[in-house]
Amino acid sequence: MKWWKHLKTINHHKWLVMKYCFRLGLYKQGLMHDLSKYGPTEFLVGAKYYQGTRSPNNAEREDKGYTSAWLHHKGRNKHHLEYWIDYDLDNGGMTGMKMPVKYVVEMFCDRVAASRNYNGDKYTDSFPLEYYRKGRAKYLIHEDTEALLEKLLTMLAEEGEDKTFDYIKREILTKEVRRERI
């Protein structure tokens, strides 16, 4: 029955992200969010390594030294910063490319939903920021993308969900829509 529990977990996560995206007017992203998790490449691995308290990707990574589901997932979902890693033509090596704002906002929604999903009743609005800061040193992320994500996560931790979502809708997405029309 691990597959059933895994399905319930990803459904709940997807529902939370969809709710957040809809709240911000990102309807298509809300509907399309993480659909690759339902395909066999990701779903079967997730069901096999399901634990309920953390991502099954970590368990697969511990078992195999890599995670096939994550490698598949990050290459198909633009709300993951890892999707935006590319060669740096100026300095050589790999670097994080600047993410479009709508995907940074979806990444924010994804992090809030994941924190809620895995922490349940223990969740507080500071959890997504704390989780981000734990892994930050390992990320290849563009400085503008990092600044926006950290600003939103910090605002969530300090001012709460309502103020943060209002700010995103009023200040971030409204300006971005205007910029796209020009």
N, C-alpha and C. Protein backbone atom coordinates (compact mmCIF):
# COMPACT_ATOMS: atom_id res chain seq x y z
N MET A 1 0.81 -1.21 0.00
CA MET A 1 0.00 0.00 0.00
C MET A 1 0.85 1.27 0.00
N LYS A 2 2.18 1.11 -0.12
CA LYS A 2 3.02 2.30 -0.18
C LYS A 2 2.67 3.16 -1.40
N TRP A 3 2.29 2.52 -2.50
CA TRP A 3 1.94 3.28 -3.70
C TRP A 3 0.73 4.18 -3.43
N TRP A 4 -0.22 3.69 -2.64
CA TRP A 4 -1.42 4.48 -2.32
C TRP A 4 -1.05 5.68 -1.45
N LYS A 5 -0.20 5.46 -0.47
CA LYS A 5 0.23 6.56 0.40
C LYS A 5 1.04 7.58 -0.40
N HIS A 6 1.88 7.09 -1.31
CA HIS A 6 2.65 8.00 -2.16
C HIS A 6 1.70 8.82 -3.04
N LEU A 7 0.71 8.19 -3.63
CA LEU A 7 -0.27 8.90 -4.46
C LEU A 7 -1.00 9.96 -3.65
N LYS A 8 -1.40 9.62 -2.44
CA LYS A 8 -2.07 10.60 -1.58
C LYS A 8 -1.15 11.78 -1.27
N THR A 9 0.13 11.50 -1.05
CA THR A 9 1.09 12.57 -0.74
C THR A 9 1.27 13.49 -1.93
N ILE A 10 1.48 12.93 -3.13
CA ILE A 10 1.70 13.81 -4.28
C ILE A 10 0.41 14.53 -4.67
N ASN A 11 -0.73 13.89 -4.48
CA ASN A 11 -2.00 14.58 -4.75
C ASN A 11 -2.20 15.76 -3.81
N HIS A 12 -1.89 15.56 -2.54
CA HIS A 12 -2.03 16.65 -1.58
C HIS A 12 -1.07 17.79 -1.90
N HIS A 13 0.16 17.44 -2.22
CA HIS A 13 1.15 18.46 -2.59
C HIS A 13 0.67 19.23 -3.82
N LYS A 14 0.25 18.51 -4.83
CA LYS A 14 -0.21 19.16 -6.07
C LYS A 14 -1.41 20.05 -5.78
N TRP A 15 -2.33 19.59 -4.94
CA TRP A 15 -3.49 20.40 -4.59
C TRP A 15 -3.07 21.70 -3.90
N LEU A 16 -2.10 21.62 -2.97
CA LEU A 16 -1.63 22.82 -2.28
C LEU A 16 -0.98 23.80 -3.26
N VAL A 17 -0.11 23.29 -4.13
CA VAL A 17 0.54 24.18 -5.10
C VAL A 17 -0.50 24.80 -6.02
N MET A 18 -1.46 24.01 -6.46
CA MET A 18 -2.52 24.52 -7.33
C MET A 18 -3.30 25.63 -6.62
N LYS A 19 -3.64 25.41 -5.37
CA LYS A 19 -4.36 26.42 -4.58
C LYS A 19 -3.54 27.71 -4.50
N TYR A 20 -2.25 27.60 -4.24
CA TYR A 20 -1.39 28.79 -4.15
C TYR A 20 -1.27 29.48 -5.51
N CYS A 21 -1.04 28.71 -6.55
CA CYS A 21 -0.91 29.30 -7.89
C CYS A 21 -2.21 29.99 -8.31
N PHE A 22 -3.34 29.35 -8.06
CA PHE A 22 -4.63 29.96 -8.40
C PHE A 22 -4.81 31.26 -7.63
N ARG A 23 -4.40 31.27 -6.38
CA ARG A 23 -4.51 32.48 -5.55
C ARG A 23 -3.75 33.64 -6.18
N LEU A 24 -2.70 33.31 -6.94
CA LEU A 24 -1.85 34.32 -7.56
C LEU A 24 -2.20 34.57 -9.03
N GLY A 25 -3.20 33.86 -9.54
CA GLY A 25 -3.58 34.02 -10.94
C GLY A 25 -2.76 33.19 -11.90
N LEU A 26 -1.96 32.26 -11.41
CA LEU A 26 -1.12 31.40 -12.25
C LEU A 26 -1.85 30.08 -12.49
N TYR A 27 -2.96 30.16 -13.22
CA TYR A 27 -3.85 29.02 -13.38
C TYR A 27 -3.21 27.86 -14.15
N LYS A 28 -2.57 28.16 -15.26
CA LYS A 28 -1.95 27.10 -16.06
C LYS A 28 -0.86 26.39 -15.26
N GLN A 29 -0.03 27.16 -14.57
CA GLN A 29 1.02 26.55 -13.76
C GLN A 29 0.44 25.70 -12.64
N GLY A 30 -0.63 26.16 -12.05
CA GLY A 30 -1.27 25.39 -11.00
C GLY A 30 -1.79 24.06 -11.51
N LEU A 31 -2.39 24.06 -12.68
CA LEU A 31 -2.91 22.82 -13.27
C LEU A 31 -1.80 21.89 -13.73
N MET A 32 -0.73 22.45 -14.29
CA MET A 32 0.33 21.65 -14.89
C MET A 32 1.42 21.23 -13.90
N HIS A 33 1.40 21.79 -12.72
CA HIS A 33 2.46 21.57 -11.74
C HIS A 33 2.70 20.08 -11.48
N ASP A 34 3.95 19.66 -11.63
CA ASP A 34 4.43 18.32 -11.27
C ASP A 34 3.68 17.15 -11.93
N LEU A 35 3.14 17.34 -13.10
CA LEU A 35 2.44 16.24 -13.76
C LEU A 35 3.37 15.06 -14.04
N SER A 36 4.67 15.32 -14.19
CA SER A 36 5.61 14.23 -14.45
C SER A 36 5.68 13.23 -13.29
N LYS A 37 5.25 13.63 -12.11
CA LYS A 37 5.26 12.71 -10.95
C LYS A 37 4.27 11.55 -11.12
N TYR A 38 3.32 11.70 -12.03
CA TYR A 38 2.31 10.67 -12.24
C TYR A 38 2.72 9.65 -13.30
N GLY A 39 3.79 9.92 -14.02
CA GLY A 39 4.30 8.97 -15.02
C GLY A 39 5.10 7.88 -14.34
N PRO A 40 5.30 6.74 -15.02
CA PRO A 40 5.98 5.61 -14.39
C PRO A 40 7.42 5.88 -13.94
N THR A 41 8.16 6.71 -14.67
CA THR A 41 9.55 6.98 -14.31
C THR A 41 9.66 7.57 -12.91
N GLU A 42 8.76 8.43 -12.55
CA GLU A 42 8.81 9.06 -11.23
C GLU A 42 7.89 8.36 -10.22
N PHE A 43 6.71 7.96 -10.66
CA PHE A 43 5.75 7.41 -9.71
C PHE A 43 6.22 6.08 -9.11
N LEU A 44 6.72 5.18 -9.93
CA LEU A 44 7.12 3.86 -9.43
C LEU A 44 8.27 3.96 -8.44
N VAL A 45 9.22 4.84 -8.73
CA VAL A 45 10.34 5.07 -7.80
C VAL A 45 9.84 5.71 -6.52
N GLY A 46 8.95 6.68 -6.65
CA GLY A 46 8.39 7.34 -5.47
C GLY A 46 7.63 6.38 -4.58
N ALA A 47 6.88 5.46 -5.19
CA ALA A 47 6.13 4.46 -4.42
C ALA A 47 7.09 3.50 -3.72
N LYS A 48 8.13 3.08 -4.42
CA LYS A 48 9.09 2.14 -3.83
C LYS A 48 9.79 2.73 -2.62
N TYR A 49 10.18 3.99 -2.71
CA TYR A 49 10.96 4.62 -1.64
C TYR A 49 10.13 5.50 -0.71
N TYR A 50 8.84 5.42 -0.80
CA TYR A 50 7.95 6.24 0.03
C TYR A 50 8.21 6.00 1.52
N GLN A 51 8.26 7.11 2.29
CA GLN A 51 8.40 7.03 3.74
C GLN A 51 7.38 7.92 4.46
N GLY A 52 6.89 8.94 3.77
CA GLY A 52 5.86 9.80 4.34
C GLY A 52 6.35 11.04 5.06
N THR A 53 7.60 11.06 5.46
CA THR A 53 8.12 12.20 6.21
C THR A 53 9.15 13.01 5.43
N ARG A 54 9.53 12.54 4.26
CA ARG A 54 10.50 13.25 3.43
C ARG A 54 10.36 12.75 2.00
N SER A 55 11.05 13.41 1.11
CA SER A 55 10.98 13.04 -0.30
C SER A 55 11.54 11.64 -0.53
N PRO A 56 10.84 10.81 -1.30
CA PRO A 56 11.38 9.49 -1.64
C PRO A 56 12.69 9.60 -2.43
N ASN A 57 12.91 10.76 -3.06
CA ASN A 57 14.15 10.94 -3.82
C ASN A 57 15.38 10.81 -2.93
N ASN A 58 15.28 11.29 -1.71
CA ASN A 58 16.42 11.17 -0.79
C ASN A 58 16.71 9.71 -0.45
N ALA A 59 15.68 8.92 -0.28
CA ALA A 59 15.87 7.49 0.02
C ALA A 59 16.49 6.77 -1.18
N GLU A 60 16.03 7.08 -2.39
CA GLU A 60 16.63 6.46 -3.58
C GLU A 60 18.09 6.88 -3.72
N ARG A 61 18.36 8.16 -3.44
CA ARG A 61 19.74 8.68 -3.53
C ARG A 61 20.64 7.94 -2.53
N GLU A 62 20.15 7.70 -1.33
CA GLU A 62 20.92 6.98 -0.32
C GLU A 62 21.16 5.53 -0.76
N ASP A 63 20.17 4.92 -1.39
CA ASP A 63 20.25 3.53 -1.83
C ASP A 63 21.16 3.35 -3.03
N LYS A 64 21.03 4.21 -4.04
CA LYS A 64 21.72 4.03 -5.32
C LYS A 64 22.89 4.99 -5.55
N GLY A 65 22.92 6.08 -4.81
CA GLY A 65 23.94 7.10 -5.05
C GLY A 65 23.46 8.17 -6.02
N TYR A 66 22.27 8.03 -6.53
CA TYR A 66 21.63 9.00 -7.40
C TYR A 66 20.13 8.72 -7.36
N THR A 67 19.37 9.61 -7.96
CA THR A 67 17.94 9.35 -8.03
C THR A 67 17.42 9.55 -9.45
N SER A 68 17.00 8.48 -10.04
CA SER A 68 16.48 8.52 -11.41
C SER A 68 15.22 9.38 -11.50
N ALA A 69 14.40 9.33 -10.48
CA ALA A 69 13.15 10.11 -10.49
C ALA A 69 13.46 11.61 -10.49
N TRP A 70 14.42 12.04 -9.66
CA TRP A 70 14.77 13.46 -9.59
C TRP A 70 15.41 13.93 -10.90
N LEU A 71 16.30 13.13 -11.46
CA LEU A 71 16.94 13.51 -12.72
C LEU A 71 15.88 13.71 -13.81
N HIS A 72 14.88 12.87 -13.80
CA HIS A 72 13.78 13.00 -14.75
C HIS A 72 12.95 14.24 -14.42
N HIS A 73 12.61 14.42 -13.16
CA HIS A 73 11.72 15.49 -12.73
C HIS A 73 12.29 16.88 -12.99
N LYS A 74 13.52 17.11 -12.60
CA LYS A 74 14.09 18.45 -12.70
C LYS A 74 14.29 18.89 -14.15
N GLY A 75 14.39 17.93 -15.06
CA GLY A 75 14.55 18.27 -16.46
C GLY A 75 13.24 18.58 -17.18
N ARG A 76 12.13 18.43 -16.49
CA ARG A 76 10.82 18.63 -17.11
C ARG A 76 9.96 19.69 -16.41
N ASN A 77 10.46 20.23 -15.32
CA ASN A 77 9.66 21.15 -14.52
C ASN A 77 10.44 22.45 -14.28
N LYS A 78 9.99 23.50 -14.94
CA LYS A 78 10.73 24.77 -14.96
C LYS A 78 10.71 25.52 -13.64
N HIS A 79 9.93 25.06 -12.67
CA HIS A 79 9.91 25.73 -11.37
C HIS A 79 11.05 25.25 -10.47
N HIS A 80 11.89 24.36 -10.96
CA HIS A 80 13.06 23.91 -10.19
C HIS A 80 14.31 24.64 -10.68
N LEU A 81 15.06 25.20 -9.75
CA LEU A 81 16.25 25.95 -10.13
C LEU A 81 17.24 25.07 -10.90
N GLU A 82 17.22 23.78 -10.66
CA GLU A 82 18.14 22.87 -11.34
C GLU A 82 17.83 22.76 -12.84
N TYR A 83 16.61 23.04 -13.23
CA TYR A 83 16.24 23.07 -14.65
C TYR A 83 17.05 24.14 -15.38
N TRP A 84 17.41 25.20 -14.66
CA TRP A 84 18.02 26.39 -15.24
C TRP A 84 19.55 26.41 -15.10
N ILE A 85 20.16 25.28 -14.88
CA ILE A 85 21.63 25.20 -14.83
C ILE A 85 22.14 24.93 -16.24
N ASP A 86 23.15 25.72 -16.65
CA ASP A 86 23.69 25.60 -18.00
C ASP A 86 25.18 25.97 -17.97
N TYR A 87 25.82 25.83 -19.10
CA TYR A 87 27.23 26.21 -19.21
C TYR A 87 27.36 27.72 -19.15
N ASP A 88 28.41 28.18 -18.48
CA ASP A 88 28.73 29.59 -18.41
C ASP A 88 29.74 29.88 -19.51
N LEU A 89 29.32 30.54 -20.57
CA LEU A 89 30.20 30.80 -21.71
C LEU A 89 31.33 31.77 -21.39
N ASP A 90 31.12 32.63 -20.40
CA ASP A 90 32.13 33.62 -20.06
C ASP A 90 33.22 33.05 -19.15
N ASN A 91 32.83 32.27 -18.17
CA ASN A 91 33.78 31.81 -17.15
C ASN A 91 34.03 30.30 -17.17
N GLY A 92 33.35 29.58 -18.03
CA GLY A 92 33.48 28.12 -18.04
C GLY A 92 32.71 27.51 -16.89
N GLY A 93 32.56 26.22 -16.89
CA GLY A 93 31.84 25.54 -15.82
C GLY A 93 30.34 25.71 -15.95
N MET A 94 29.66 25.37 -14.89
CA MET A 94 28.19 25.43 -14.86
C MET A 94 27.76 26.61 -14.00
N THR A 95 26.59 27.15 -14.33
CA THR A 95 26.06 28.27 -13.56
C THR A 95 24.54 28.25 -13.60
N GLY A 96 23.94 28.92 -12.65
CA GLY A 96 22.50 29.06 -12.64
C GLY A 96 22.09 30.20 -13.55
N MET A 97 21.13 29.96 -14.40
CA MET A 97 20.61 30.99 -15.30
C MET A 97 19.45 31.70 -14.60
N LYS A 98 19.19 32.94 -15.01
CA LYS A 98 18.09 33.70 -14.42
C LYS A 98 16.76 33.05 -14.80
N MET A 99 15.96 32.76 -13.79
CA MET A 99 14.65 32.14 -14.01
C MET A 99 13.60 33.21 -14.28
N PRO A 100 12.67 32.93 -15.20
CA PRO A 100 11.53 33.84 -15.35
C PRO A 100 10.77 33.94 -14.02
N VAL A 101 10.27 35.11 -13.73
CA VAL A 101 9.63 35.39 -12.44
C VAL A 101 8.49 34.42 -12.15
N LYS A 102 7.69 34.08 -13.15
CA LYS A 102 6.55 33.20 -12.88
C LYS A 102 7.00 31.83 -12.37
N TYR A 103 8.19 31.38 -12.78
CA TYR A 103 8.68 30.09 -12.28
C TYR A 103 9.31 30.22 -10.90
N VAL A 104 9.88 31.38 -10.59
CA VAL A 104 10.38 31.62 -9.23
C VAL A 104 9.20 31.62 -8.26
N VAL A 105 8.11 32.25 -8.67
CA VAL A 105 6.91 32.28 -7.83
C VAL A 105 6.35 30.87 -7.66
N GLU A 106 6.33 30.08 -8.73
CA GLU A 106 5.86 28.70 -8.60
C GLU A 106 6.80 27.90 -7.69
N MET A 107 8.11 28.16 -7.79
CA MET A 107 9.06 27.48 -6.91
C MET A 107 8.78 27.84 -5.45
N PHE A 108 8.48 29.10 -5.19
CA PHE A 108 8.09 29.52 -3.85
C PHE A 108 6.87 28.73 -3.38
N CYS A 109 5.84 28.67 -4.21
CA CYS A 109 4.62 27.92 -3.87
C CYS A 109 4.94 26.46 -3.61
N ASP A 110 5.81 25.89 -4.42
CA ASP A 110 6.21 24.49 -4.29
C ASP A 110 6.90 24.25 -2.95
N ARG A 111 7.77 25.15 -2.54
CA ARG A 111 8.49 25.00 -1.28
C ARG A 111 7.55 25.13 -0.08
N VAL A 112 6.60 26.04 -0.16
CA VAL A 112 5.63 26.18 0.92
C VAL A 112 4.79 24.91 1.01
N ALA A 113 4.32 24.43 -0.13
CA ALA A 113 3.49 23.22 -0.15
C ALA A 113 4.25 22.00 0.36
N ALA A 114 5.51 21.84 -0.06
CA ALA A 114 6.31 20.70 0.40
C ALA A 114 6.52 20.77 1.91
N SER A 115 6.79 21.95 2.42
CA SER A 115 6.98 22.11 3.87
C SER A 115 5.70 21.76 4.62
N ARG A 116 4.57 22.20 4.10
CA ARG A 116 3.29 21.86 4.73
C ARG A 116 3.03 20.36 4.65
N ASN A 117 3.30 19.78 3.50
CA ASN A 117 3.01 18.37 3.26
C ASN A 117 3.83 17.47 4.19
N TYR A 118 5.11 17.74 4.32
CA TYR A 118 5.99 16.87 5.10
C TYR A 118 6.00 17.17 6.59
N ASN A 119 5.56 18.37 6.99
CA ASN A 119 5.57 18.72 8.41
C ASN A 119 4.19 18.68 9.06
N GLY A 120 3.16 18.61 8.27
CA GLY A 120 1.80 18.48 8.81
C GLY A 120 1.45 19.57 9.80
N ASP A 121 0.93 19.18 10.94
CA ASP A 121 0.48 20.12 11.97
C ASP A 121 1.63 20.90 12.61
N LYS A 122 2.86 20.44 12.46
CA LYS A 122 4.01 21.13 13.03
C LYS A 122 4.45 22.32 12.17
N TYR A 123 3.91 22.43 10.96
CA TYR A 123 4.33 23.47 10.02
C TYR A 123 4.21 24.87 10.60
N THR A 124 5.23 25.68 10.34
CA THR A 124 5.15 27.13 10.58
C THR A 124 5.65 27.81 9.31
N ASP A 125 5.34 29.08 9.17
CA ASP A 125 5.74 29.82 7.97
C ASP A 125 7.25 30.02 7.87
N SER A 126 8.00 29.68 8.88
CA SER A 126 9.46 29.78 8.79
C SER A 126 10.10 28.51 8.23
N PHE A 127 9.37 27.41 8.16
CA PHE A 127 9.93 26.15 7.67
C PHE A 127 10.52 26.23 6.26
N PRO A 128 9.79 26.83 5.29
CA PRO A 128 10.37 26.87 3.93
C PRO A 128 11.70 27.63 3.87
N LEU A 129 11.81 28.73 4.61
CA LEU A 129 13.07 29.49 4.65
C LEU A 129 14.17 28.68 5.31
N GLU A 130 13.87 28.04 6.41
CA GLU A 130 14.87 27.22 7.11
C GLU A 130 15.38 26.10 6.20
N TYR A 131 14.49 25.43 5.50
CA TYR A 131 14.87 24.35 4.59
C TYR A 131 15.74 24.89 3.44
N TYR A 132 15.35 26.04 2.90
CA TYR A 132 16.13 26.67 1.83
C TYR A 132 17.54 26.99 2.32
N ARG A 133 17.65 27.59 3.49
CA ARG A 133 18.96 28.00 4.00
C ARG A 133 19.87 26.80 4.31
N LYS A 134 19.28 25.67 4.71
CA LYS A 134 20.09 24.47 4.97
C LYS A 134 20.81 24.00 3.72
N GLY A 135 20.16 24.10 2.58
CA GLY A 135 20.75 23.60 1.34
C GLY A 135 21.39 24.66 0.48
N ARG A 136 21.24 25.93 0.83
CA ARG A 136 21.66 27.06 -0.01
C ARG A 136 23.09 26.97 -0.50
N ALA A 137 24.01 26.56 0.30
CA ALA A 137 25.43 26.55 -0.08
C ALA A 137 25.69 25.62 -1.27
N LYS A 138 24.81 24.68 -1.50
CA LYS A 138 25.01 23.69 -2.57
C LYS A 138 24.34 24.10 -3.89
N TYR A 139 23.52 25.16 -3.88
CA TYR A 139 22.76 25.52 -5.06
C TYR A 139 23.59 26.29 -6.08
N LEU A 140 23.36 25.99 -7.35
CA LEU A 140 23.82 26.84 -8.44
C LEU A 140 22.60 27.64 -8.85
N ILE A 141 22.56 28.89 -8.44
CA ILE A 141 21.36 29.71 -8.66
C ILE A 141 21.78 31.12 -9.05
N HIS A 142 21.12 31.69 -10.02
CA HIS A 142 21.41 33.04 -10.46
C HIS A 142 21.13 34.02 -9.32
N GLU A 143 21.94 35.03 -9.20
CA GLU A 143 21.82 35.97 -8.07
C GLU A 143 20.45 36.66 -8.02
N ASP A 144 19.86 36.99 -9.17
CA ASP A 144 18.54 37.63 -9.17
C ASP A 144 17.45 36.65 -8.72
N THR A 145 17.56 35.41 -9.17
CA THR A 145 16.62 34.37 -8.78
C THR A 145 16.73 34.13 -7.28
N GLU A 146 17.96 34.02 -6.80
CA GLU A 146 18.20 33.80 -5.38
C GLU A 146 17.63 34.94 -4.53
N ALA A 147 17.87 36.16 -4.97
CA ALA A 147 17.40 37.33 -4.21
C ALA A 147 15.87 37.34 -4.11
N LEU A 148 15.19 37.05 -5.21
CA LEU A 148 13.73 37.06 -5.18
C LEU A 148 13.18 35.92 -4.32
N LEU A 149 13.71 34.72 -4.51
CA LEU A 149 13.23 33.58 -3.72
C LEU A 149 13.46 33.81 -2.24
N GLU A 150 14.65 34.25 -1.88
CA GLU A 150 14.95 34.48 -0.46
C GLU A 150 14.10 35.61 0.12
N LYS A 151 13.84 36.64 -0.67
CA LYS A 151 12.98 37.73 -0.22
C LYS A 151 11.58 37.21 0.10
N LEU A 152 11.04 36.38 -0.79
CA LEU A 152 9.68 35.85 -0.58
C LEU A 152 9.63 34.90 0.60
N LEU A 153 10.63 34.03 0.74
CA LEU A 153 10.66 33.09 1.86
C LEU A 153 10.83 33.82 3.19
N THR A 154 11.64 34.87 3.19
CA THR A 154 11.85 35.67 4.40
C THR A 154 10.57 36.43 4.77
N MET A 155 9.93 36.99 3.77
CA MET A 155 8.66 37.69 4.01
C MET A 155 7.62 36.74 4.59
N LEU A 156 7.56 35.53 4.04
CA LEU A 156 6.64 34.53 4.57
C LEU A 156 6.93 34.25 6.04
N ALA A 157 8.20 34.05 6.37
CA ALA A 157 8.59 33.73 7.75
C ALA A 157 8.29 34.88 8.70
N GLU A 158 8.49 36.10 8.23
CA GLU A 158 8.36 37.26 9.12
C GLU A 158 6.98 37.90 9.13
N GLU A 159 6.27 37.84 7.99
CA GLU A 159 5.00 38.56 7.89
C GLU A 159 3.79 37.68 7.62
N GLY A 160 4.03 36.40 7.32
CA GLY A 160 2.93 35.47 7.14
C GLY A 160 2.49 35.30 5.69
N GLU A 161 1.62 34.33 5.53
CA GLU A 161 1.18 33.91 4.20
C GLU A 161 0.34 34.98 3.49
N ASP A 162 -0.63 35.55 4.16
CA ASP A 162 -1.52 36.52 3.50
C ASP A 162 -0.75 37.71 2.96
N LYS A 163 0.10 38.31 3.76
CA LYS A 163 0.88 39.48 3.31
C LYS A 163 1.80 39.11 2.17
N THR A 164 2.42 37.95 2.25
CA THR A 164 3.37 37.54 1.22
C THR A 164 2.65 37.29 -0.11
N PHE A 165 1.54 36.57 -0.07
CA PHE A 165 0.80 36.31 -1.31
C PHE A 165 0.23 37.61 -1.90
N ASP A 166 -0.24 38.50 -1.05
CA ASP A 166 -0.72 39.80 -1.54
C ASP A 166 0.42 40.57 -2.22
N TYR A 167 1.59 40.56 -1.61
CA TYR A 167 2.76 41.24 -2.17
C TYR A 167 3.13 40.63 -3.53
N ILE A 168 3.17 39.31 -3.60
CA ILE A 168 3.52 38.65 -4.87
C ILE A 168 2.54 39.06 -5.96
N LYS A 169 1.27 39.01 -5.65
CA LYS A 169 0.24 39.32 -6.66
C LYS A 169 0.30 40.79 -7.07
N ARG A 170 0.41 41.67 -6.09
CA ARG A 170 0.36 43.12 -6.33
C ARG A 170 1.67 43.68 -6.90
N GLU A 171 2.79 43.26 -6.33
CA GLU A 171 4.07 43.89 -6.67
C GLU A 171 4.92 43.09 -7.67
N ILE A 172 4.90 41.80 -7.55
CA ILE A 172 5.79 40.98 -8.39
C ILE A 172 5.12 40.63 -9.72
N LEU A 173 3.97 39.98 -9.65
CA LEU A 173 3.35 39.49 -10.88
C LEU A 173 2.74 40.61 -11.71
N THR A 174 2.19 41.64 -11.08
CA THR A 174 1.63 42.76 -11.83
C THR A 174 2.71 43.45 -12.64
N LYS A 175 3.86 43.69 -12.05
CA LYS A 175 4.97 44.33 -12.77
C LYS A 175 5.48 43.43 -13.88
N GLU A 176 5.52 42.13 -13.64
CA GLU A 176 6.00 41.20 -14.64
C GLU A 176 5.07 41.16 -15.85
N VAL A 177 3.77 41.18 -15.61
CA VAL A 177 2.80 41.19 -16.70
C VAL A 177 2.97 42.46 -17.54
N ARG A 178 3.15 43.58 -16.86
CA ARG A 178 3.38 44.85 -17.59
C ARG A 178 4.63 44.77 -18.44
N ARG A 179 5.70 44.20 -17.90
CA ARG A 179 6.96 44.07 -18.61
C ARG A 179 6.81 43.20 -19.86
N GLU A 180 6.02 42.11 -19.74
CA GLU A 180 5.82 41.21 -20.87
C GLU A 180 5.04 41.85 -22.00
N ARG A 181 4.16 42.79 -21.69
CA ARG A 181 3.35 43.46 -22.71
C ARG A 181 4.14 44.48 -23.51
N ILE A 182 5.22 44.99 -22.95
CA ILE A 182 6.02 46.04 -23.61
C ILE A 182 6.84 45.44 -24.74
